Amino acid sequence: MITNYKILFLTGNRIMKLKVIMAALCCLLLLAIHCDAENITKEKPVAFLPEQIFEFEPVVEGTMVIHDFIIQNKGTATLDIHKVSAG
């Protein structure tokens, strides 16, 4: 039985290229792990509105109507509200 084997000869130049490629891949992997861990540990605010819609009863035109919406911060950082508008 005859078997053919391919032998890969790595010269000094090929070994150096392989080492550079492996080092680059390791750096990319470490960067990806670091970025993912940073996103997990970052503190961020999370706005939560138990009541998102409120419909007023019919009123006479020109009557002022008021409703308070409660906004809770379920996150770990301070929640800053810069703009609110009615839709």
PDB file of N, CA and C in Angstrom:
ATOM      1  N   MET A   1       0.852  -1.171   0.000  1.00  0.00           N
ATOM      2  CA  MET A   1       0.000   0.000   0.000  1.00  0.00           C
ATOM      3  C   MET A   1       0.898   1.234   0.000  1.00  0.00           C
ATOM      4  N   ILE A   2       0.630   2.143  -0.917  1.00  0.00           N
ATOM      5  CA  ILE A   2       1.439   3.351  -1.042  1.00  0.00           C
ATOM      6  C   ILE A   2       0.602   4.536  -0.557  1.00  0.00           C
ATOM      7  N   THR A   3       1.168   5.353   0.341  1.00  0.00           N
ATOM      8  CA  THR A   3       0.482   6.528   0.874  1.00  0.00           C
ATOM      9  C   THR A   3       1.321   7.761   0.553  1.00  0.00           C
ATOM     10  N   ASN A   4       0.662   8.780   0.081  1.00  0.00           N
ATOM     11  CA  ASN A   4       1.357  10.025  -0.212  1.00  0.00           C
ATOM     12  C   ASN A   4       1.200  10.970   0.969  1.00  0.00           C
ATOM     13  N   TYR A   5       2.281  11.544   1.406  1.00  0.00           N
ATOM     14  CA  TYR A   5       2.268  12.509   2.496  1.00  0.00           C
ATOM     15  C   TYR A   5       2.795  13.839   1.976  1.00  0.00           C
ATOM     16  N   LYS A   6       2.103  14.894   2.326  1.00  0.00           N
ATOM     17  CA  LYS A   6       2.604  16.226   1.995  1.00  0.00           C
ATOM     18  C   LYS A   6       3.308  16.770   3.222  1.00  0.00           C
ATOM     19  N   ILE A   7       4.494  17.247   3.025  1.00  0.00           N
ATOM     20  CA  ILE A   7       5.265  17.799   4.133  1.00  0.00           C
ATOM     21  C   ILE A   7       5.364  19.306   3.925  1.00  0.00           C
ATOM     22  N   LEU A   8       4.989  20.029   4.924  1.00  0.00           N
ATOM     23  CA  LEU A   8       5.018  21.489   4.866  1.00  0.00           C
ATOM     24  C   LEU A   8       6.324  21.959   5.457  1.00  0.00           C
ATOM     25  N   PHE A   9       7.119  22.577   4.625  1.00  0.00           N
ATOM     26  CA  PHE A   9       8.386  23.120   5.095  1.00  0.00           C
ATOM     27  C   PHE A   9       8.201  24.590   5.414  1.00  0.00           C
ATOM     28  N   LEU A  10       8.483  24.957   6.642  1.00  0.00           N
ATOM     29  CA  LEU A  10       8.382  26.350   7.042  1.00  0.00           C
ATOM     30  C   LEU A  10       9.783  26.935   7.096  1.00  0.00           C
ATOM     31  N   THR A  11      10.022  27.879   6.225  1.00  0.00           N
ATOM     32  CA  THR A  11      11.310  28.556   6.239  1.00  0.00           C
ATOM     33  C   THR A  11      11.263  29.656   7.278  1.00  0.00           C
ATOM     34  N   GLY A  12      12.394  30.278   7.525  1.00  0.00           N
ATOM     35  CA  GLY A  12      12.454  31.346   8.520  1.00  0.00           C
ATOM     36  C   GLY A  12      11.490  32.476   8.226  1.00  0.00           C
ATOM     37  N   ASN A  13      11.330  32.838   6.961  1.00  0.00           N
ATOM     38  CA  ASN A  13      10.423  33.924   6.574  1.00  0.00           C
ATOM     39  C   ASN A  13       8.968  33.522   6.811  1.00  0.00           C
ATOM     40  N   ARG A  14       8.616  32.300   6.489  1.00  0.00           N
ATOM     41  CA  ARG A  14       7.236  31.836   6.694  1.00  0.00           C
ATOM     42  C   ARG A  14       6.918  31.732   8.180  1.00  0.00           C
ATOM     43  N   ILE A  15       7.877  31.272   8.962  1.00  0.00           N
ATOM     44  CA  ILE A  15       7.663  31.182  10.409  1.00  0.00           C
ATOM     45  C   ILE A  15       7.417  32.569  10.992  1.00  0.00           C
ATOM     46  N   MET A  16       8.178  33.557  10.529  1.00  0.00           N
ATOM     47  CA  MET A  16       8.005  34.916  11.023  1.00  0.00           C
ATOM     48  C   MET A  16       6.627  35.464  10.647  1.00  0.00           C
ATOM     49  N   LYS A  17       6.179  35.203   9.428  1.00  0.00           N
ATOM     50  CA  LYS A  17       4.840  35.654   9.003  1.00  0.00           C
ATOM     51  C   LYS A  17       3.767  34.984   9.858  1.00  0.00           C
ATOM     52  N   LEU A  18       3.943  33.702  10.114  1.00  0.00           N
ATOM     53  CA  LEU A  18       2.976  32.967  10.931  1.00  0.00           C
ATOM     54  C   LEU A  18       2.919  33.529  12.348  1.00  0.00           C
ATOM     55  N   LYS A  19       4.076  33.862  12.898  1.00  0.00           N
ATOM     56  CA  LYS A  19       4.115  34.437  14.245  1.00  0.00           C
ATOM     57  C   LYS A  19       3.426  35.799  14.278  1.00  0.00           C
ATOM     58  N   VAL A  20       3.640  36.608  13.259  1.00  0.00           N
ATOM     59  CA  VAL A  20       3.006  37.937  13.198  1.00  0.00           C
ATOM     60  C   VAL A  20       1.495  37.800  13.094  1.00  0.00           C
ATOM     61  N   ILE A  21       1.037  36.873  12.260  1.00  0.00           N
ATOM     62  CA  ILE A  21      -0.405  36.653  12.112  1.00  0.00           C
ATOM     63  C   ILE A  21      -1.013  36.159  13.420  1.00  0.00           C
ATOM     64  N   MET A  22      -0.354  35.235  14.087  1.00  0.00           N
ATOM     65  CA  MET A  22      -0.862  34.720  15.358  1.00  0.00           C
ATOM     66  C   MET A  22      -0.898  35.812  16.428  1.00  0.00           C
ATOM     67  N   ALA A  23       0.128  36.654  16.457  1.00  0.00           N
ATOM     68  CA  ALA A  23       0.159  37.752  17.425  1.00  0.00           C
ATOM     69  C   ALA A  23      -0.981  38.736  17.155  1.00  0.00           C
ATOM     70  N   ALA A  24      -1.235  39.034  15.882  1.00  0.00           N
ATOM     71  CA  ALA A  24      -2.326  39.945  15.528  1.00  0.00           C
ATOM     72  C   ALA A  24      -3.677  39.356  15.923  1.00  0.00           C
ATOM     73  N   LEU A  25      -3.879  38.077  15.685  1.00  0.00           N
ATOM     74  CA  LEU A  25      -5.138  37.425  16.068  1.00  0.00           C
ATOM     75  C   LEU A  25      -5.324  37.428  17.587  1.00  0.00           C
ATOM     76  N   CYS A  26      -4.249  37.198  18.319  1.00  0.00           N
ATOM     77  CA  CYS A  26      -4.329  37.235  19.787  1.00  0.00           C
ATOM     78  C   CYS A  26      -4.694  38.636  20.271  1.00  0.00           C
ATOM     79  N   CYS A  27      -4.099  39.647  19.652  1.00  0.00           N
ATOM     80  CA  CYS A  27      -4.427  41.031  20.032  1.00  0.00           C
ATOM     81  C   CYS A  27      -5.887  41.348  19.762  1.00  0.00           C
ATOM     82  N   LEU A  28      -6.398  40.919  18.606  1.00  0.00           N
ATOM     83  CA  LEU A  28      -7.806  41.149  18.280  1.00  0.00           C
ATOM     84  C   LEU A  28      -8.729  40.431  19.262  1.00  0.00           C
ATOM     85  N   LEU A  29      -8.368  39.223  19.631  1.00  0.00           N
ATOM     86  CA  LEU A  29      -9.167  38.470  20.592  1.00  0.00           C
ATOM     87  C   LEU A  29      -9.186  39.165  21.949  1.00  0.00           C
ATOM     88  N   LEU A  30      -8.027  39.606  22.418  1.00  0.00           N
ATOM     89  CA  LEU A  30      -7.963  40.316  23.697  1.00  0.00           C
ATOM     90  C   LEU A  30      -8.747  41.619  23.653  1.00  0.00           C
ATOM     91  N   LEU A  31      -8.681  42.329  22.527  1.00  0.00           N
ATOM     92  CA  LEU A  31      -9.439  43.573  22.387  1.00  0.00           C
ATOM     93  C   LEU A  31     -10.940  43.301  22.436  1.00  0.00           C
ATOM     94  N   ALA A  32     -11.385  42.254  21.752  1.00  0.00           N
ATOM     95  CA  ALA A  32     -12.808  41.902  21.761  1.00  0.00           C
ATOM     96  C   ALA A  32     -13.271  41.526  23.161  1.00  0.00           C
ATOM     97  N   ILE A  33     -12.480  40.763  23.883  1.00  0.00           N
ATOM     98  CA  ILE A  33     -12.838  40.380  25.258  1.00  0.00           C
ATOM     99  C   ILE A  33     -12.888  41.609  26.158  1.00  0.00           C
ATOM    100  N   HIS A  34     -11.922  42.504  26.000  1.00  0.00           N
ATOM    101  CA  HIS A  34     -11.879  43.713  26.827  1.00  0.00           C
ATOM    102  C   HIS A  34     -13.096  44.603  26.562  1.00  0.00           C
ATOM    103  N   CYS A  35     -13.453  44.792  25.291  1.00  0.00           N
ATOM    104  CA  CYS A  35     -14.602  45.634  24.948  1.00  0.00           C
ATOM    105  C   CYS A  35     -15.896  45.042  25.493  1.00  0.00           C
ATOM    106  N   ASP A  36     -16.043  43.728  25.397  1.00  0.00           N
ATOM    107  CA  ASP A  36     -17.242  43.076  25.902  1.00  0.00           C
ATOM    108  C   ASP A  36     -17.330  43.211  27.416  1.00  0.00           C
ATOM    109  N   ALA A  37     -16.238  43.031  28.120  1.00  0.00           N
ATOM    110  CA  ALA A  37     -16.232  43.161  29.577  1.00  0.00           C
ATOM    111  C   ALA A  37     -16.512  44.599  29.982  1.00  0.00           C
ATOM    112  N   GLU A  38     -16.026  45.551  29.205  1.00  0.00           N
ATOM    113  CA  GLU A  38     -16.264  46.958  29.516  1.00  0.00           C
ATOM    114  C   GLU A  38     -17.741  47.292  29.399  1.00  0.00           C
ATOM    115  N   ASN A  39     -18.431  46.744  28.393  1.00  0.00           N
ATOM    116  CA  ASN A  39     -19.860  46.990  28.221  1.00  0.00           C
ATOM    117  C   ASN A  39     -20.670  46.366  29.343  1.00  0.00           C
ATOM    118  N   ILE A  40     -20.230  45.246  29.860  1.00  0.00           N
ATOM    119  CA  ILE A  40     -20.959  44.582  30.935  1.00  0.00           C
ATOM    120  C   ILE A  40     -20.843  45.380  32.233  1.00  0.00           C
ATOM    121  N   THR A  41     -19.677  45.934  32.511  1.00  0.00           N
ATOM    122  CA  THR A  41     -19.456  46.602  33.783  1.00  0.00           C
ATOM    123  C   THR A  41     -19.818  48.081  33.771  1.00  0.00           C
ATOM    124  N   LYS A  42     -20.098  48.656  32.616  1.00  0.00           N
ATOM    125  CA  LYS A  42     -20.440  50.076  32.560  1.00  0.00           C
ATOM    126  C   LYS A  42     -21.755  50.328  33.278  1.00  0.00           C
ATOM    127  N   GLU A  43     -21.773  51.397  34.043  1.00  0.00           N
ATOM    128  CA  GLU A  43     -23.023  51.808  34.662  1.00  0.00           C
ATOM    129  C   GLU A  43     -23.800  52.634  33.646  1.00  0.00           C
ATOM    130  N   LYS A  44     -25.097  52.408  33.586  1.00  0.00           N
ATOM    131  CA  LYS A  44     -25.918  53.199  32.683  1.00  0.00           C
ATOM    132  C   LYS A  44     -27.329  53.320  33.241  1.00  0.00           C
ATOM    133  N   PRO A  45     -28.000  54.427  32.922  1.00  0.00           N
ATOM    134  CA  PRO A  45     -29.373  54.599  33.375  1.00  0.00           C
ATOM    135  C   PRO A  45     -30.334  53.797  32.502  1.00  0.00           C
ATOM    136  N   VAL A  46     -31.444  53.392  33.098  1.00  0.00           N
ATOM    137  CA  VAL A  46     -32.500  52.697  32.361  1.00  0.00           C
ATOM    138  C   VAL A  46     -33.828  53.309  32.781  1.00  0.00           C
ATOM    139  N   ALA A  47     -34.445  54.065  31.875  1.00  0.00           N
ATOM    140  CA  ALA A  47     -35.730  54.710  32.165  1.00  0.00           C
ATOM    141  C   ALA A  47     -36.853  53.674  32.089  1.00  0.00           C
ATOM    142  N   PHE A  48     -37.740  53.693  33.080  1.00  0.00           N
ATOM    143  CA  PHE A  48     -38.872  52.781  33.110  1.00  0.00           C
ATOM    144  C   PHE A  48     -40.128  53.582  33.412  1.00  0.00           C
ATOM    145  N   LEU A  49     -41.126  53.454  32.565  1.00  0.00           N
ATOM    146  CA  LEU A  49     -42.403  54.135  32.765  1.00  0.00           C
ATOM    147  C   LEU A  49     -43.490  53.087  32.974  1.00  0.00           C
ATOM    148  N   PRO A  50     -44.004  52.944  34.199  1.00  0.00           N
ATOM    149  CA  PRO A  50     -45.062  51.953  34.437  1.00  0.00           C
ATOM    150  C   PRO A  50     -46.309  52.251  33.603  1.00  0.00           C
ATOM    151  N   GLU A  51     -46.585  53.537  33.392  1.00  0.00           N
ATOM    152  CA  GLU A  51     -47.748  53.952  32.603  1.00  0.00           C
ATOM    153  C   GLU A  51     -47.231  54.791  31.439  1.00  0.00           C
ATOM    154  N   GLN A  52     -47.308  54.254  30.218  1.00  0.00           N
ATOM    155  CA  GLN A  52     -46.750  54.963  29.071  1.00  0.00           C
ATOM    156  C   GLN A  52     -47.789  55.778  28.309  1.00  0.00           C
ATOM    157  N   ILE A  53     -49.050  55.437  28.453  1.00  0.00           N
ATOM    158  CA  ILE A  53     -50.120  56.149  27.742  1.00  0.00           C
ATOM    159  C   ILE A  53     -51.211  56.523  28.726  1.00  0.00           C
ATOM    160  N   PHE A  54     -51.737  57.739  28.581  1.00  0.00           N
ATOM    161  CA  PHE A  54     -52.868  58.184  29.404  1.00  0.00           C
ATOM    162  C   PHE A  54     -53.833  58.923  28.497  1.00  0.00           C
ATOM    163  N   GLU A  55     -55.104  58.542  28.549  1.00  0.00           N
ATOM    164  CA  GLU A  55     -56.121  59.224  27.755  1.00  0.00           C
ATOM    165  C   GLU A  55     -57.028  60.010  28.694  1.00  0.00           C
ATOM    166  N   PHE A  56     -57.141  61.310  28.431  1.00  0.00           N
ATOM    167  CA  PHE A  56     -58.008  62.168  29.238  1.00  0.00           C
ATOM    168  C   PHE A  56     -59.465  61.952  28.856  1.00  0.00           C
ATOM    169  N   GLU A  57     -60.325  62.152  29.832  1.00  0.00           N
ATOM    170  CA  GLU A  57     -61.767  62.162  29.578  1.00  0.00           C
ATOM    171  C   GLU A  57     -62.090  63.414  28.763  1.00  0.00           C
ATOM    172  N   PRO A  58     -63.160  63.389  27.996  1.00  0.00           N
ATOM    173  CA  PRO A  58     -63.525  64.590  27.239  1.00  0.00           C
ATOM    174  C   PRO A  58     -63.766  65.779  28.180  1.00  0.00           C
ATOM    175  N   VAL A  59     -63.245  66.959  27.793  1.00  0.00           N
ATOM    176  CA  VAL A  59     -63.409  68.185  28.575  1.00  0.00           C
ATOM    177  C   VAL A  59     -63.802  69.318  27.636  1.00  0.00           C
ATOM    178  N   VAL A  60     -64.274  70.405  28.224  1.00  0.00           N
ATOM    179  CA  VAL A  60     -64.632  71.591  27.445  1.00  0.00           C
ATOM    180  C   VAL A  60     -63.345  72.193  26.886  1.00  0.00           C
ATOM    181  N   GLU A  61     -63.401  72.625  25.631  1.00  0.00           N
ATOM    182  CA  GLU A  61     -62.217  73.204  24.999  1.00  0.00           C
ATOM    183  C   GLU A  61     -61.710  74.387  25.810  1.00  0.00           C
ATOM    184  N   GLY A  62     -60.400  74.439  25.995  1.00  0.00           N
ATOM    185  CA  GLY A  62     -59.781  75.525  26.763  1.00  0.00           C
ATOM    186  C   GLY A  62     -59.518  75.147  28.216  1.00  0.00           C
ATOM    187  N   THR A  63     -60.080  74.018  28.676  1.00  0.00           N
ATOM    188  CA  THR A  63     -59.854  73.576  30.048  1.00  0.00           C
ATOM    189  C   THR A  63     -58.453  72.968  30.155  1.00  0.00           C
ATOM    190  N   MET A  64     -57.734  73.356  31.218  1.00  0.00           N
ATOM    191  CA  MET A  64     -56.399  72.812  31.432  1.00  0.00           C
ATOM    192  C   MET A  64     -56.509  71.414  32.041  1.00  0.00           C
ATOM    193  N   VAL A  65     -55.803  70.480  31.484  1.00  0.00           N
ATOM    194  CA  VAL A  65     -55.780  69.127  32.013  1.00  0.00           C
ATOM    195  C   VAL A  65     -54.334  68.790  32.376  1.00  0.00           C
ATOM    196  N   ILE A  66     -54.179  68.066  33.476  1.00  0.00           N
ATOM    197  CA  ILE A  66     -52.845  67.732  33.972  1.00  0.00           C
ATOM    198  C   ILE A  66     -52.801  66.249  34.315  1.00  0.00           C
ATOM    199  N   HIS A  67     -51.686  65.627  34.007  1.00  0.00           N
ATOM    200  CA  HIS A  67     -51.464  64.242  34.415  1.00  0.00           C
ATOM    201  C   HIS A  67     -49.974  64.082  34.702  1.00  0.00           C
ATOM    202  N   ASP A  68     -49.640  63.433  35.790  1.00  0.00           N
ATOM    203  CA  ASP A  68     -48.246  63.192  36.148  1.00  0.00           C
ATOM    204  C   ASP A  68     -47.846  61.785  35.709  1.00  0.00           C
ATOM    205  N   PHE A  69     -46.756  61.711  34.961  1.00  0.00           N
ATOM    206  CA  PHE A  69     -46.175  60.418  34.600  1.00  0.00           C
ATOM    207  C   PHE A  69     -45.020  60.141  35.547  1.00  0.00           C
ATOM    208  N   ILE A  70     -44.961  58.940  36.049  1.00  0.00           N
ATOM    209  CA  ILE A  70     -43.870  58.542  36.934  1.00  0.00           C
ATOM    210  C   ILE A  70     -42.791  57.891  36.083  1.00  0.00           C
ATOM    211  N   ILE A  71     -41.567  58.365  36.235  1.00  0.00           N
ATOM    212  CA  ILE A  71     -40.423  57.792  35.528  1.00  0.00           C
ATOM    213  C   ILE A  71     -39.477  57.241  36.585  1.00  0.00           C
ATOM    214  N   GLN A  72     -39.175  55.968  36.475  1.00  0.00           N
ATOM    215  CA  GLN A  72     -38.260  55.336  37.420  1.00  0.00           C
ATOM    216  C   GLN A  72     -36.937  55.026  36.721  1.00  0.00           C
ATOM    217  N   ASN A  73     -35.856  55.135  37.472  1.00  0.00           N
ATOM    218  CA  ASN A  73     -34.546  54.770  36.956  1.00  0.00           C
ATOM    219  C   ASN A  73     -34.216  53.374  37.472  1.00  0.00           C
ATOM    220  N   LYS A  74     -34.248  52.393  36.579  1.00  0.00           N
ATOM    221  CA  LYS A  74     -33.938  51.016  36.956  1.00  0.00           C
ATOM    222  C   LYS A  74     -32.455  50.701  36.736  1.00  0.00           C
ATOM    223  N   GLY A  75     -31.673  51.683  36.285  1.00  0.00           N
ATOM    224  CA  GLY A  75     -30.247  51.482  36.034  1.00  0.00           C
ATOM    225  C   GLY A  75     -29.410  51.832  37.244  1.00  0.00           C
ATOM    226  N   THR A  76     -28.093  51.842  37.036  1.00  0.00           N
ATOM    227  CA  THR A  76     -27.161  52.107  38.129  1.00  0.00           C
ATOM    228  C   THR A  76     -26.550  53.495  38.068  1.00  0.00           C
ATOM    229  N   ALA A  77     -26.717  54.200  36.948  1.00  0.00           N
ATOM    230  CA  ALA A  77     -26.184  55.560  36.821  1.00  0.00           C
ATOM    231  C   ALA A  77     -27.327  56.561  36.912  1.00  0.00           C
ATOM    232  N   THR A  78     -26.986  57.825  37.067  1.00  0.00           N
ATOM    233  CA  THR A  78     -27.990  58.875  37.165  1.00  0.00           C
ATOM    234  C   THR A  78     -28.725  59.033  35.847  1.00  0.00           C
ATOM    235  N   LEU A  79     -30.047  59.132  35.918  1.00  0.00           N
ATOM    236  CA  LEU A  79     -30.877  59.335  34.731  1.00  0.00           C
ATOM    237  C   LEU A  79     -31.119  60.833  34.567  1.00  0.00           C
ATOM    238  N   ASP A  80     -30.623  61.407  33.485  1.00  0.00           N
ATOM    239  CA  ASP A  80     -30.836  62.816  33.172  1.00  0.00           C
ATOM    240  C   ASP A  80     -31.874  62.918  32.083  1.00  0.00           C
ATOM    241  N   ILE A  81     -32.932  63.712  32.325  1.00  0.00           N
ATOM    242  CA  ILE A  81     -33.983  63.926  31.326  1.00  0.00           C
ATOM    243  C   ILE A  81     -33.823  65.352  30.824  1.00  0.00           C
ATOM    244  N   HIS A  82     -33.519  65.483  29.534  1.00  0.00           N
ATOM    245  CA  HIS A  82     -33.239  66.797  28.975  1.00  0.00           C
ATOM    246  C   HIS A  82     -34.416  67.355  28.193  1.00  0.00           C
ATOM    247  N   LYS A  83     -35.292  66.517  27.670  1.00  0.00           N
ATOM    248  CA  LYS A  83     -36.396  67.013  26.851  1.00  0.00           C
ATOM    249  C   LYS A  83     -37.587  66.067  26.963  1.00  0.00           C
ATOM    250  N   VAL A  84     -38.769  66.647  27.096  1.00  0.00           N
ATOM    251  CA  VAL A  84     -39.996  65.867  27.156  1.00  0.00           C
ATOM    252  C   VAL A  84     -40.979  66.528  26.190  1.00  0.00           C
ATOM    253  N   SER A  85     -41.693  65.719  25.425  1.00  0.00           N
ATOM    254  CA  SER A  85     -42.688  66.289  24.515  1.00  0.00           C
ATOM    255  C   SER A  85     -43.920  65.379  24.488  1.00  0.00           C
ATOM    256  N   ALA A  86     -45.054  65.986  24.194  1.00  0.00           N
ATOM    257  CA  ALA A  86     -46.318  65.244  24.093  1.00  0.00           C
ATOM    258  C   ALA A  86     -46.492  64.817  22.648  1.00  0.00           C
ATOM    259  N   GLY A  87     -47.025  63.631  22.466  1.00  0.00           N
ATOM    260  CA  GLY A  87     -47.207  63.116  21.106  1.00  0.00           C
ATOM    261  C   GLY A  87     -48.591  63.258  20.718  1.00  0.00           C
TER     262      GLY A  87
END
